[in-house]
């Protein structure tokens, strides 16, 4: 049987110098069932002439629109595919990306979206590094803290988008993050450990030139989803944005001899606040250690099983009891004497769950070892957390 039709939409406005590489990355895919639509907002550069070179393999629509989100929505609604994806006109997808996405939906039929690994490239198209934030699906982190999913790797099931709604057209910087959150609150997202897309970094790119407007939009978006006045993600993205402004202001307003140490001091203070916010927000640290309380969210479903894998270090943390609650409801409790553990906890059927994993014991390394400066209150090593579906 033929595979599902994948519809790819490229919104464009005056990106003629990049769009040929974008189009060719789509048309070079080895998956045979692709529909490709370029939605142009009325470019005055060479975009139209480039697009004409591919007229037999891509549909080109040129008419005014109300911005990038409106252009993408327009393309999605005219497309026929059951899997939807958009690729900005200065980015590219990697060979095999569409096939990986289709296979990902086949592996996880419940998924509302799939995503993978990606790279960053410079203005000339030279790959510079791996996109450093990608990780397996963690709904709590996505909602409260970080957009760790590279949009150039995220493919959506049409059914999921139709249930949660299309892109919000009042958003200009974080519309992909918002859509991923809304889908994640209804469907699981499936991580694919394959390199699938590349984001182009350069000064004029919207992501890097958004400044305060981007930070304000992110804060407004996260407040709406979390109900918090100051969500952790608003702190980290806001400080990161204004740090750049402060450093530029210092460099321009004081003598060069004083500017360098002043910029370094501001960077250290802001960097420290960002690092502490990221580490402490969920209670699950980047090095795998868990605090006494870890927050975790689970997408709706039937037959859900929470799977935790980790280890209880010896000595002061032996006979650790882990308890999982949802509000005041006890979902599971178990004592671990020490060593590795693999714990499967059945979850009730229904809607999204906001869980808390509580530990009975903790230790502050700095208080029990002369060589340690680690003042975190740690309870156990949590190597992975995920949800499986029975049946």
Protein backbone atom coordinates (compact mmCIF):
# COMPACT_ATOMS: atom_id res chain seq x y z
CA UNK A 1 0.00 0.00 0.00
CA UNK A 2 1.26 3.53 -0.74
CA UNK A 3 2.31 5.55 2.29
CA UNK A 4 0.44 8.62 3.56
CA UNK A 5 0.62 11.85 1.60
CA UNK A 6 2.91 14.39 3.29
CA UNK A 7 2.12 18.03 2.53
CA UNK A 8 4.99 20.50 2.94
CA UNK A 9 4.35 24.25 2.97
CA UNK A 10 7.05 26.90 2.59
CA UNK A 11 6.02 30.45 3.57
CA UNK A 12 8.17 33.02 1.81
CA UNK A 13 8.77 36.73 1.52
CA UNK A 14 11.87 38.11 -0.20
CA UNK A 15 14.09 35.13 0.55
CA UNK A 16 15.16 34.59 -3.04
CA UNK A 17 18.82 34.11 -2.13
CA UNK A 18 17.99 31.09 0.05
CA UNK A 19 14.81 29.57 -1.37
CA UNK A 20 16.41 27.47 -4.11
CA UNK A 21 18.33 25.47 -1.51
CA UNK A 22 15.12 25.11 0.51
CA UNK A 23 13.09 23.85 -2.46
CA UNK A 24 15.78 21.44 -3.60
CA UNK A 25 16.06 19.93 -0.10
CA UNK A 26 12.35 19.05 -0.32
CA UNK A 27 12.37 17.78 -3.89
CA UNK A 28 15.44 15.61 -3.20
CA UNK A 29 13.60 13.53 -0.57
CA UNK A 30 13.46 9.76 -1.18
CA UNK A 31 9.86 9.45 0.06
CA UNK A 32 7.59 9.36 -3.02
CA UNK A 33 4.29 10.79 -1.68
CA UNK A 34 4.99 14.48 -1.14
CA UNK A 35 2.85 17.48 -2.02
CA UNK A 36 4.81 20.74 -1.97
CA UNK A 37 3.29 24.23 -1.82
CA UNK A 38 5.20 27.54 -1.66
CA UNK A 39 3.08 30.38 -0.26
CA UNK A 40 4.67 33.70 -1.13
CA UNK A 41 3.43 36.97 0.35
CA UNK A 42 4.32 39.05 -2.72
CA UNK A 43 8.11 39.00 -2.91
CA UNK A 44 9.81 41.71 -4.95
CA UNK A 45 13.12 39.85 -5.32
CA UNK A 46 14.02 36.79 -7.42
CA UNK A 47 11.74 34.39 -5.48
CA UNK A 48 9.16 34.07 -8.27
CA UNK A 49 11.74 33.37 -10.96
CA UNK A 50 13.39 30.71 -8.80
CA UNK A 51 10.02 29.09 -8.07
CA UNK A 52 9.18 28.98 -11.80
CA UNK A 53 12.15 26.64 -12.31
CA UNK A 54 10.29 24.03 -10.24
CA UNK A 55 6.77 24.65 -11.52
CA UNK A 56 6.27 21.02 -12.55
CA UNK A 57 7.02 19.69 -9.06
CA UNK A 58 5.81 22.40 -6.67
CA UNK A 59 2.77 24.66 -6.48
CA UNK A 60 3.58 28.37 -6.20
CA UNK A 61 0.96 30.73 -4.74
CA UNK A 62 1.83 34.43 -4.73
CA UNK A 63 -0.62 36.80 -3.02
CA UNK A 64 -0.62 39.15 -0.02
CA UNK A 65 -1.04 37.56 3.39
CA UNK A 66 -1.25 38.66 7.03
CA UNK A 67 2.13 37.25 8.05
CA UNK A 68 3.96 33.96 8.35
CA UNK A 69 1.39 32.15 10.50
CA UNK A 70 -1.44 33.12 8.15
CA UNK A 71 0.58 31.95 5.14
CA UNK A 72 1.28 28.55 6.76
CA UNK A 73 -2.35 28.10 7.76
CA UNK A 74 -3.44 28.96 4.24
CA UNK A 75 -1.06 26.36 2.84
CA UNK A 76 -2.17 23.69 5.34
CA UNK A 77 -5.83 24.24 4.52
CA UNK A 78 -5.32 23.95 0.76
CA UNK A 79 -3.06 20.90 1.15
CA UNK A 80 -4.39 17.33 0.89
CA UNK A 81 -1.92 15.39 3.04
CA UNK A 82 -2.66 13.58 6.30
CA UNK A 83 0.79 14.66 7.56
CA UNK A 84 1.62 18.37 7.56
CA UNK A 85 4.96 20.17 7.81
CA UNK A 86 6.26 23.64 7.13
CA UNK A 87 9.76 24.62 6.12
CA UNK A 88 10.80 28.26 6.20
CA UNK A 89 12.32 29.64 3.02
CA UNK A 90 15.80 30.03 4.51
CA UNK A 91 16.03 26.56 6.10
CA UNK A 92 16.48 23.02 4.72
CA UNK A 93 15.56 19.44 5.50
CA UNK A 94 18.08 16.63 5.35
CA UNK A 95 18.00 13.56 3.08
CA UNK A 96 15.56 10.95 4.39
CA UNK A 97 13.79 13.40 6.72
CA UNK A 98 10.27 12.83 5.38
CA UNK A 99 10.71 9.05 5.39
CA UNK A 100 11.88 9.22 9.03
CA UNK A 101 8.78 11.24 9.92
CA UNK A 102 6.40 8.80 8.23
CA UNK A 103 8.12 5.87 9.94
CA UNK A 104 7.84 7.71 13.26
CA UNK A 105 4.07 8.00 12.91
CA UNK A 106 3.99 4.31 12.01
CA UNK A 107 5.90 3.45 15.18
CA UNK A 108 3.59 5.56 17.35
CA UNK A 109 0.10 5.77 15.81
CA UNK A 110 -1.14 7.77 18.83
CA UNK A 111 1.35 10.59 18.22
CA UNK A 112 -0.01 13.99 17.27
CA UNK A 113 3.43 15.09 16.08
CA UNK A 114 6.90 13.65 15.57
CA UNK A 115 10.25 15.42 15.71
CA UNK A 116 13.93 14.61 15.48
CA UNK A 117 17.47 15.88 15.75
CA UNK A 118 18.79 18.82 13.77
CA UNK A 119 21.70 21.10 13.01
CA UNK A 120 22.39 24.84 12.88
CA UNK A 121 24.06 26.46 9.86
CA UNK A 122 25.46 29.89 9.11
CA UNK A 123 24.29 32.37 6.51
CA UNK A 124 26.38 30.72 3.78
CA UNK A 125 24.83 27.29 4.44
CA UNK A 126 27.76 25.78 6.34
CA UNK A 127 26.63 23.50 9.19
CA UNK A 128 28.13 24.78 12.44
CA UNK A 129 26.83 22.45 15.18
CA UNK A 130 24.05 20.21 16.43
CA UNK A 131 20.92 21.98 17.68
CA UNK A 132 21.86 21.56 21.35
CA UNK A 133 18.47 21.35 23.08
CA UNK A 134 16.65 18.39 21.50
CA UNK A 135 15.62 15.64 23.90
CA UNK A 136 12.93 12.93 24.20
CA UNK A 137 9.40 14.18 24.81
CA UNK A 138 8.99 15.93 28.16
CA UNK A 139 5.61 17.68 28.28
CA UNK A 140 6.23 19.54 31.55
CA UNK A 141 9.42 21.06 30.18
CA UNK A 142 7.72 22.00 26.91
CA UNK A 143 4.84 23.75 28.69
CA UNK A 144 6.76 25.52 31.46
CA UNK A 145 10.36 25.97 30.45
CA UNK A 146 11.78 25.38 27.00
CA UNK A 147 11.01 24.90 23.32
CA UNK A 148 13.56 22.11 22.91
CA UNK A 149 11.98 20.90 19.64
CA UNK A 150 13.59 22.20 16.45
CA UNK A 151 10.70 23.30 14.22
CA UNK A 152 12.56 22.21 11.08
CA UNK A 153 12.14 18.60 12.27
CA UNK A 154 8.50 18.70 13.53
CA UNK A 155 5.77 16.98 11.45
CA UNK A 156 2.09 17.12 12.45
CA UNK A 157 -0.81 14.75 12.03
CA UNK A 158 -3.61 16.68 10.30
CA UNK A 159 -6.16 15.14 12.65
CA UNK A 160 -4.29 16.55 15.65
CA UNK A 161 -4.09 20.06 14.18
CA UNK A 162 -7.78 20.01 13.31
CA UNK A 163 -8.61 19.06 16.89
CA UNK A 164 -6.45 21.66 18.65
CA UNK A 165 -6.63 24.39 16.01
CA UNK A 166 -4.22 25.81 13.45
CA UNK A 167 -1.38 28.24 14.14
CA UNK A 168 -2.31 31.31 16.13
CA UNK A 169 -2.01 34.19 13.69
CA UNK A 170 -1.44 36.73 16.47
CA UNK A 171 1.90 35.04 17.23
CA UNK A 172 4.96 35.93 15.16
CA UNK A 173 7.89 34.28 16.95
CA UNK A 174 6.59 31.36 19.04
CA UNK A 175 3.70 29.99 16.99
CA UNK A 176 5.42 26.60 16.59
CA UNK A 177 5.99 26.34 20.36
CA UNK A 178 2.35 27.17 21.04
CA UNK A 179 1.13 24.57 18.54
CA UNK A 180 3.41 21.88 20.01
CA UNK A 181 2.12 22.64 23.52
CA UNK A 182 -1.51 22.46 22.41
CA UNK A 183 -0.92 19.16 20.61
CA UNK A 184 1.10 17.75 23.53
CA UNK A 185 -1.80 18.46 25.89
CA UNK A 186 -4.02 16.23 23.73
CA UNK A 187 -1.65 13.71 22.12
CA UNK A 188 1.80 12.27 22.85
CA UNK A 189 4.71 13.58 20.79
CA UNK A 190 7.16 11.05 19.37
CA UNK A 191 10.93 11.68 19.33
CA UNK A 192 12.93 10.25 16.40
CA UNK A 193 16.71 9.86 17.00
CA UNK A 194 17.58 10.87 13.43
CA UNK A 195 18.95 14.13 11.99
CA UNK A 196 16.13 15.67 9.96
CA UNK A 197 16.44 19.45 9.54
CA UNK A 198 18.70 22.49 9.63
CA UNK A 199 18.01 26.00 10.95
CA UNK A 200 19.91 28.89 9.37
CA UNK A 201 21.33 31.36 11.92
CA UNK A 202 22.07 34.93 10.79
CA UNK A 203 21.48 38.43 12.10
CA UNK A 204 18.46 39.24 9.93
CA UNK A 205 16.63 35.98 10.72
CA UNK A 206 13.42 36.54 12.68
CA UNK A 207 14.41 34.26 15.55
CA UNK A 208 17.59 36.25 16.18
CA UNK A 209 16.31 39.76 15.48
CA UNK A 210 13.08 39.55 17.51
CA UNK A 211 14.62 41.04 20.66
CA UNK A 212 12.23 42.33 23.31
CA UNK A 213 9.14 41.70 21.18
CA UNK A 214 10.02 37.98 20.97
CA UNK A 215 10.70 37.75 24.72
CA UNK A 216 7.39 39.47 25.50
CA UNK A 217 5.47 37.15 23.18
CA UNK A 218 7.04 34.08 24.80
CA UNK A 219 6.15 35.35 28.27
CA UNK A 220 2.54 36.00 27.21
CA UNK A 221 2.31 32.57 25.58
CA UNK A 222 3.64 30.70 28.64
CA UNK A 223 1.46 32.66 31.07
CA UNK A 224 -1.56 31.56 29.07
CA UNK A 225 -0.60 27.89 29.15
CA UNK A 226 0.69 27.67 32.74
CA UNK A 227 -1.43 30.18 34.62
CA UNK A 228 1.77 31.45 36.27
CA UNK A 229 2.58 35.15 36.40
CA UNK A 230 6.28 34.41 35.86
CA UNK A 231 6.80 30.98 34.23
CA UNK A 232 10.37 29.62 34.32
CA UNK A 233 10.63 29.87 30.53
CA UNK A 234 9.76 33.56 30.60
CA UNK A 235 12.70 34.13 32.97
CA UNK A 236 15.23 32.24 30.87
CA UNK A 237 14.22 33.62 27.46
CA UNK A 238 13.76 37.14 28.84
CA UNK A 239 17.14 37.27 30.55
CA UNK A 240 18.89 35.78 27.53
CA UNK A 241 17.34 38.45 25.29
CA UNK A 242 18.10 41.41 27.52
CA UNK A 243 21.59 40.14 28.32
CA UNK A 244 22.52 40.79 24.71
CA UNK A 245 21.07 44.31 24.92
CA UNK A 246 22.88 45.09 28.16
CA UNK A 247 26.20 43.86 26.80
CA UNK A 248 25.81 45.95 23.66
CA UNK A 249 24.84 48.98 25.75
CA UNK A 250 27.87 48.57 28.01
CA UNK A 251 30.20 48.21 25.03
CA UNK A 252 28.86 51.42 23.48
CA UNK A 253 28.66 53.61 26.59
CA UNK A 254 31.81 53.06 28.65
CA UNK A 255 35.55 52.93 27.89
CA UNK A 256 36.83 49.73 26.32
CA UNK A 257 39.06 48.92 29.31
CA UNK A 258 36.00 48.78 31.59
CA UNK A 259 33.56 47.31 29.09
CA UNK A 260 35.04 43.82 28.97
CA UNK A 261 34.98 43.09 32.73
CA UNK A 262 31.55 44.74 33.04
CA UNK A 263 30.11 42.56 30.27
CA UNK A 264 31.67 39.51 31.88
CA UNK A 265 30.11 40.35 35.26
CA UNK A 266 26.65 40.86 33.74
CA UNK A 267 26.99 37.59 31.80
CA UNK A 268 27.99 35.66 34.91
CA UNK A 269 25.07 37.00 36.96
CA UNK A 270 22.46 36.45 34.24
CA UNK A 271 23.96 33.11 33.24
CA UNK A 272 23.83 31.93 36.84
CA UNK A 273 20.16 32.90 37.20
CA UNK A 274 19.27 31.18 33.92
CA UNK A 275 21.17 28.01 34.88
CA UNK A 276 19.53 27.81 38.32
CA UNK A 277 16.09 28.41 36.83
CA UNK A 278 16.53 25.68 34.22
CA UNK A 279 17.93 23.18 36.72
CA UNK A 280 15.48 23.76 39.57
CA UNK A 281 12.26 24.29 37.63
CA UNK A 282 11.30 20.66 37.06
CA UNK A 283 13.42 19.14 39.80
CA UNK A 284 15.19 16.94 37.24
CA UNK A 285 18.71 18.23 36.64
CA UNK A 286 20.71 18.11 33.43
CA UNK A 287 23.16 15.57 34.86
CA UNK A 288 20.33 13.14 35.70
CA UNK A 289 20.04 13.83 39.41
CA UNK A 290 16.54 14.33 40.79
CA UNK A 291 15.44 16.59 43.63
CA UNK A 292 13.00 15.51 46.35
CA UNK A 293 10.14 16.57 44.08
CA UNK A 294 10.08 16.13 40.30
CA UNK A 295 7.24 17.53 38.20
CA UNK A 296 6.10 15.54 35.18
CA UNK A 297 3.14 15.77 32.78
CA UNK A 298 1.47 13.01 30.77
CA UNK A 299 -0.61 13.48 27.61
CA UNK A 300 -4.19 12.08 27.54
CA UNK A 301 -4.72 8.44 26.67
CA UNK A 302 -5.95 4.98 27.58
CA UNK A 303 -3.79 2.19 28.96
CA UNK A 304 -0.98 4.52 30.02
CA UNK A 305 2.01 3.26 31.99
CA UNK A 306 4.61 5.61 33.45
CA UNK A 307 8.07 4.07 33.11
CA UNK A 308 10.88 5.38 35.32
CA UNK A 309 14.46 4.13 35.06
CA UNK A 310 17.30 5.20 37.32
CA UNK A 311 19.40 4.23 40.29
CA UNK A 312 19.59 4.77 44.04
CA UNK A 313 23.18 5.50 45.11
CA UNK A 314 24.49 3.65 48.14
CA UNK A 315 25.10 5.01 51.65
CA UNK A 316 22.85 7.90 52.67
CA UNK A 317 20.18 7.37 50.00
CA UNK A 318 19.55 3.66 50.48
CA UNK A 319 15.98 2.52 51.19
CA UNK A 320 14.63 5.43 49.19
CA UNK A 321 10.85 5.56 48.83
CA UNK A 322 9.41 7.11 45.69
CA UNK A 323 5.78 8.19 45.66
CA UNK A 324 3.80 9.39 42.63
CA UNK A 325 0.78 11.64 43.15
CA UNK A 326 -1.60 13.59 40.96
CA UNK A 327 -2.98 16.33 43.13
CA UNK A 328 -4.13 14.46 46.26
CA UNK A 329 -4.51 11.15 44.44
CA UNK A 330 -1.90 8.49 45.17
CA UNK A 331 -0.88 6.64 42.00
CA UNK A 332 2.06 4.57 43.21
CA UNK A 333 4.59 4.16 46.00
CA UNK A 334 7.61 1.87 46.26
CA UNK A 335 10.75 1.56 48.33
CA UNK A 336 14.10 0.86 46.66
CA UNK A 337 16.98 -0.51 48.70
CA UNK A 338 19.68 0.69 46.29
CA UNK A 339 21.16 0.19 42.85
CA UNK A 340 19.39 0.35 39.49
CA UNK A 341 15.61 0.40 39.25
CA UNK A 342 13.03 0.12 36.49
CA UNK A 343 9.56 1.02 37.76
CA UNK A 344 6.35 0.71 35.75
CA UNK A 345 3.34 2.53 37.21
CA UNK A 346 -0.12 2.12 35.62
CA UNK A 347 -1.90 5.45 35.24
CA UNK A 348 -5.64 6.14 35.15
CA UNK A 349 -7.25 6.57 31.74
CA UNK A 350 -8.42 9.99 30.68
CA UNK A 351 -7.05 13.45 30.22
CA UNK A 352 -3.69 15.07 30.82
CA UNK A 353 -2.05 14.31 34.17
CA UNK A 354 0.17 16.69 36.15
CA UNK A 355 2.25 14.36 38.31
CA UNK A 356 4.69 14.84 41.15
CA UNK A 357 7.34 12.24 41.98
CA UNK A 358 8.29 12.57 45.64
CA UNK A 359 11.36 11.07 47.32
CA UNK A 360 11.60 10.30 51.01
CA UNK A 361 15.31 11.03 51.36
CA UNK A 362 17.84 13.52 50.04
CA UNK A 363 21.41 14.62 50.59
CA UNK A 364 23.42 17.81 49.97
CA UNK A 365 26.83 16.64 48.64
CA UNK A 366 28.67 19.75 49.86
CA UNK A 367 27.71 18.98 53.45
CA UNK A 368 29.10 15.45 53.36
CA UNK A 369 32.30 15.68 51.36
CA UNK A 370 35.20 18.09 51.55
CA UNK A 371 35.86 17.87 47.81
CA UNK A 372 32.30 18.73 46.74
CA UNK A 373 30.86 22.19 46.19
CA UNK A 374 27.46 20.85 45.06
CA UNK A 375 24.81 22.40 47.30
CA UNK A 376 21.80 20.86 45.57
CA UNK A 377 19.47 18.65 47.58
CA UNK A 378 19.62 15.37 45.63
CA UNK A 379 17.59 12.17 46.00
CA UNK A 380 18.36 9.70 43.17
CA UNK A 381 19.50 9.43 39.57
CA UNK A 382 16.65 9.52 37.07
CA UNK A 383 17.99 8.27 33.75
CA UNK A 384 14.71 8.33 31.83
CA UNK A 385 11.00 8.94 32.25
CA UNK A 386 8.38 8.13 29.64
CA UNK A 387 4.93 6.76 28.98
CA UNK A 388 3.96 3.54 27.24
CA UNK A 389 0.48 2.62 26.05
CA UNK A 390 -0.93 -0.89 26.47
CA UNK A 391 -3.14 -2.22 23.69
